[in-house]
């Protein structure tokens, strides 16, 4: 899942972590933004963004969500007791 945003106009430069809050739908809080930065999912001008980077007019902000399914471990379970009346 990729979201991108071009900064059109901004009064003064903002820190990257402050600018990204509520910018993309999955990132609704500052802690969610910090976690995405830590995972390397937020990019500033096609480079991995850091919390202390400054966002200026014309910058490209991208959110690339890495989705991975949890590993499946095959397990054989032995049924010890089976009841016909158990729902």
N, C-alpha and C. Protein backbone atom coordinates (compact mmCIF):
# COMPACT_ATOMS: atom_id res chain seq x y z
N UNK A 1 0.85 -1.16 0.00
CA UNK A 1 0.00 0.00 0.00
C UNK A 1 0.90 1.23 0.00
N UNK A 2 0.71 2.10 -0.97
CA UNK A 2 1.56 3.29 -1.10
C UNK A 2 0.68 4.54 -1.16
N UNK A 3 1.00 5.49 -0.31
CA UNK A 3 0.37 6.80 -0.34
C UNK A 3 1.47 7.82 -0.59
N UNK A 4 1.17 8.85 -1.38
CA UNK A 4 2.16 9.90 -1.59
C UNK A 4 1.48 11.26 -1.49
N UNK A 5 2.26 12.25 -1.11
CA UNK A 5 1.74 13.60 -0.90
C UNK A 5 2.85 14.60 -1.24
N UNK A 6 2.52 15.57 -2.06
CA UNK A 6 3.46 16.65 -2.39
C UNK A 6 3.07 17.86 -1.55
N UNK A 7 4.01 18.43 -0.84
CA UNK A 7 3.76 19.59 0.01
C UNK A 7 3.59 20.80 -0.90
N UNK A 8 2.38 21.32 -0.95
CA UNK A 8 2.07 22.46 -1.83
C UNK A 8 2.51 23.78 -1.22
N UNK A 9 1.92 24.12 -0.11
CA UNK A 9 2.29 25.39 0.53
C UNK A 9 2.32 25.17 2.04
N UNK A 10 3.32 25.74 2.65
CA UNK A 10 3.49 25.60 4.09
C UNK A 10 4.07 26.92 4.60
N UNK A 11 3.53 27.43 5.70
CA UNK A 11 3.96 28.74 6.21
C UNK A 11 5.42 28.72 6.65
N UNK A 12 5.79 27.70 7.41
CA UNK A 12 7.17 27.56 7.86
C UNK A 12 7.51 26.08 7.93
N UNK A 13 8.77 25.73 7.83
CA UNK A 13 9.14 24.31 7.86
C UNK A 13 8.70 23.64 9.15
N UNK A 14 8.23 22.39 9.03
CA UNK A 14 7.80 21.59 10.18
C UNK A 14 8.65 20.34 10.28
N UNK A 15 8.74 19.81 11.50
CA UNK A 15 9.43 18.53 11.66
C UNK A 15 8.63 17.45 10.96
N UNK A 16 9.33 16.47 10.43
CA UNK A 16 8.72 15.40 9.65
C UNK A 16 7.65 14.66 10.44
N UNK A 17 7.94 14.34 11.69
CA UNK A 17 6.98 13.58 12.51
C UNK A 17 5.72 14.40 12.80
N UNK A 18 5.86 15.70 12.95
CA UNK A 18 4.69 16.55 13.21
C UNK A 18 3.84 16.73 11.95
N UNK A 19 4.48 16.81 10.80
CA UNK A 19 3.76 17.03 9.55
C UNK A 19 2.95 15.79 9.15
N UNK A 20 3.45 14.61 9.44
CA UNK A 20 2.81 13.37 8.97
C UNK A 20 1.59 12.94 9.78
N UNK A 21 1.38 13.55 10.95
CA UNK A 21 0.22 13.17 11.76
C UNK A 21 -1.06 13.50 11.01
N UNK A 22 -1.92 12.52 10.83
CA UNK A 22 -3.21 12.61 10.14
C UNK A 22 -3.08 12.95 8.65
N UNK A 23 -1.87 12.85 8.09
CA UNK A 23 -1.68 13.09 6.67
C UNK A 23 -2.14 11.89 5.86
N UNK A 24 -1.84 10.70 6.34
CA UNK A 24 -2.24 9.46 5.68
C UNK A 24 -3.25 8.73 6.57
N UNK A 25 -4.26 8.10 5.96
CA UNK A 25 -5.34 7.46 6.74
C UNK A 25 -4.88 6.47 7.83
N UNK A 26 -3.88 5.61 7.59
CA UNK A 26 -3.50 4.68 8.65
C UNK A 26 -2.75 5.33 9.81
N UNK A 27 -2.22 6.52 9.61
CA UNK A 27 -1.42 7.18 10.64
C UNK A 27 -2.24 8.29 11.29
N UNK A 28 -2.93 7.95 12.37
CA UNK A 28 -3.84 8.91 12.99
C UNK A 28 -3.29 9.54 14.25
N UNK A 29 -2.13 9.10 14.71
CA UNK A 29 -1.57 9.67 15.93
C UNK A 29 -0.06 9.83 15.77
N UNK A 30 0.51 10.61 16.66
CA UNK A 30 1.95 10.84 16.61
C UNK A 30 2.72 9.56 16.90
N UNK A 31 2.20 8.72 17.79
CA UNK A 31 2.89 7.46 18.08
C UNK A 31 2.85 6.52 16.88
N UNK A 32 1.77 6.53 16.11
CA UNK A 32 1.70 5.70 14.90
C UNK A 32 2.72 6.18 13.87
N UNK A 33 2.91 7.49 13.78
CA UNK A 33 3.90 8.05 12.86
C UNK A 33 5.30 7.64 13.30
N UNK A 34 5.57 7.72 14.59
CA UNK A 34 6.90 7.35 15.10
C UNK A 34 7.20 5.87 14.83
N UNK A 35 6.20 5.02 15.00
CA UNK A 35 6.40 3.59 14.74
C UNK A 35 6.66 3.34 13.25
N UNK A 36 5.94 4.07 12.38
CA UNK A 36 6.15 3.92 10.94
C UNK A 36 7.54 4.41 10.55
N UNK A 37 8.00 5.47 11.17
CA UNK A 37 9.35 5.97 10.90
C UNK A 37 10.38 4.94 11.35
N UNK A 38 10.17 4.35 12.51
CA UNK A 38 11.09 3.35 13.04
C UNK A 38 11.16 2.11 12.14
N UNK A 39 10.01 1.73 11.56
CA UNK A 39 9.96 0.58 10.65
C UNK A 39 10.50 0.93 9.25
N UNK A 40 10.75 2.20 8.99
CA UNK A 40 11.27 2.62 7.68
C UNK A 40 10.19 2.68 6.62
N UNK A 41 8.96 3.00 7.00
CA UNK A 41 7.84 3.05 6.06
C UNK A 41 7.54 4.45 5.55
N UNK A 42 8.10 5.48 6.16
CA UNK A 42 7.86 6.86 5.73
C UNK A 42 9.10 7.40 5.03
N UNK A 43 8.88 8.03 3.88
CA UNK A 43 9.96 8.54 3.06
C UNK A 43 9.78 10.03 2.82
N UNK A 44 10.89 10.75 2.79
CA UNK A 44 10.90 12.17 2.49
C UNK A 44 11.82 12.37 1.31
N UNK A 45 11.27 12.83 0.20
CA UNK A 45 12.03 13.01 -1.04
C UNK A 45 12.74 11.73 -1.47
N UNK A 46 12.01 10.63 -1.44
CA UNK A 46 12.46 9.30 -1.87
C UNK A 46 13.61 8.74 -1.04
N UNK A 47 13.82 9.25 0.16
CA UNK A 47 14.79 8.72 1.10
C UNK A 47 14.06 8.43 2.40
N UNK A 48 14.56 7.48 3.17
CA UNK A 48 13.93 7.16 4.44
C UNK A 48 13.91 8.40 5.31
N UNK A 49 12.72 8.73 5.83
CA UNK A 49 12.57 9.92 6.65
C UNK A 49 12.87 9.66 8.11
N UNK A 50 13.33 10.69 8.79
CA UNK A 50 13.60 10.62 10.22
C UNK A 50 12.79 11.69 10.93
N UNK A 51 12.56 11.51 12.19
CA UNK A 51 11.71 12.41 12.96
C UNK A 51 12.21 13.85 12.94
N UNK A 52 13.51 14.03 12.91
CA UNK A 52 14.09 15.37 12.97
C UNK A 52 14.24 16.05 11.62
N UNK A 53 13.89 15.39 10.53
CA UNK A 53 13.97 16.02 9.21
C UNK A 53 12.95 17.16 9.12
N UNK A 54 13.26 18.15 8.29
CA UNK A 54 12.38 19.29 8.12
C UNK A 54 11.64 19.18 6.79
N UNK A 55 10.33 19.40 6.85
CA UNK A 55 9.49 19.37 5.65
C UNK A 55 9.31 20.80 5.17
N UNK A 56 9.63 21.01 3.89
CA UNK A 56 9.51 22.34 3.28
C UNK A 56 8.60 22.25 2.08
N UNK A 57 8.28 23.37 1.51
CA UNK A 57 7.42 23.43 0.33
C UNK A 57 8.09 22.69 -0.83
N UNK A 58 7.31 21.85 -1.51
CA UNK A 58 7.81 21.09 -2.64
C UNK A 58 8.34 19.71 -2.30
N UNK A 59 8.41 19.36 -1.03
CA UNK A 59 8.90 18.05 -0.62
C UNK A 59 7.87 16.97 -0.98
N UNK A 60 8.37 15.77 -1.22
CA UNK A 60 7.52 14.62 -1.49
C UNK A 60 7.54 13.71 -0.27
N UNK A 61 6.36 13.46 0.29
CA UNK A 61 6.23 12.59 1.46
C UNK A 61 5.50 11.33 1.01
N UNK A 62 6.08 10.17 1.30
CA UNK A 62 5.48 8.90 0.89
C UNK A 62 5.37 7.96 2.08
N UNK A 63 4.31 7.18 2.07
CA UNK A 63 4.09 6.15 3.09
C UNK A 63 3.94 4.83 2.35
N UNK A 64 4.90 3.94 2.56
CA UNK A 64 4.89 2.63 1.92
C UNK A 64 4.73 1.58 3.00
N UNK A 65 3.51 1.09 3.12
CA UNK A 65 3.19 0.09 4.15
C UNK A 65 3.65 -1.28 3.70
N UNK A 66 4.48 -1.90 4.49
CA UNK A 66 4.95 -3.24 4.20
C UNK A 66 4.01 -4.21 4.91
N UNK A 67 3.26 -4.97 4.13
CA UNK A 67 2.35 -5.94 4.72
C UNK A 67 2.95 -7.32 4.58
N UNK A 68 3.01 -7.99 5.67
CA UNK A 68 3.50 -9.36 5.66
C UNK A 68 2.59 -10.21 6.53
N UNK A 69 2.26 -11.37 6.04
CA UNK A 69 1.41 -12.28 6.79
C UNK A 69 2.25 -12.96 7.86
N UNK A 70 1.67 -13.21 9.01
CA UNK A 70 2.41 -13.91 10.05
C UNK A 70 2.73 -15.34 9.60
N UNK A 71 3.83 -15.88 10.05
CA UNK A 71 4.19 -17.23 9.63
C UNK A 71 3.19 -18.26 10.16
N UNK A 72 2.96 -19.27 9.36
CA UNK A 72 2.03 -20.34 9.74
C UNK A 72 2.87 -21.56 10.12
N UNK A 73 2.66 -22.01 11.32
CA UNK A 73 3.37 -23.19 11.81
C UNK A 73 2.41 -24.37 11.82
N UNK A 74 2.68 -25.40 11.06
CA UNK A 74 1.78 -26.55 11.05
C UNK A 74 1.87 -27.31 12.38
N UNK A 75 0.70 -27.59 12.94
CA UNK A 75 0.65 -28.32 14.20
C UNK A 75 -0.38 -29.43 14.09
N UNK A 76 -0.05 -30.56 14.60
CA UNK A 76 -0.99 -31.67 14.70
C UNK A 76 -1.51 -31.68 16.13
N UNK A 77 -2.82 -31.56 16.25
CA UNK A 77 -3.44 -31.59 17.57
C UNK A 77 -4.17 -32.91 17.76
N UNK A 78 -3.94 -33.50 18.89
CA UNK A 78 -4.60 -34.75 19.22
C UNK A 78 -5.89 -34.44 19.98
N UNK A 79 -7.01 -34.97 19.51
CA UNK A 79 -8.29 -34.76 20.16
C UNK A 79 -8.39 -35.75 21.31
N UNK A 80 -8.48 -35.21 22.53
CA UNK A 80 -8.55 -36.07 23.70
C UNK A 80 -9.97 -36.48 24.04
N UNK A 81 -10.92 -35.58 23.81
CA UNK A 81 -12.30 -35.88 24.13
C UNK A 81 -13.20 -35.14 23.15
N UNK A 82 -14.16 -35.84 22.60
CA UNK A 82 -15.09 -35.25 21.65
C UNK A 82 -16.50 -35.57 22.11
N UNK A 83 -17.35 -34.55 22.21
CA UNK A 83 -18.70 -34.70 22.70
C UNK A 83 -19.68 -34.27 21.60
N UNK A 84 -20.73 -35.06 21.37
CA UNK A 84 -21.73 -34.73 20.36
C UNK A 84 -22.61 -33.56 20.77
N UNK A 85 -22.69 -33.28 22.05
CA UNK A 85 -23.61 -32.25 22.55
C UNK A 85 -22.93 -30.90 22.77
N UNK A 86 -21.63 -30.84 22.60
CA UNK A 86 -20.90 -29.61 22.80
C UNK A 86 -21.04 -28.69 21.58
N UNK A 87 -21.47 -27.48 21.80
CA UNK A 87 -21.70 -26.58 20.67
C UNK A 87 -20.43 -25.92 20.25
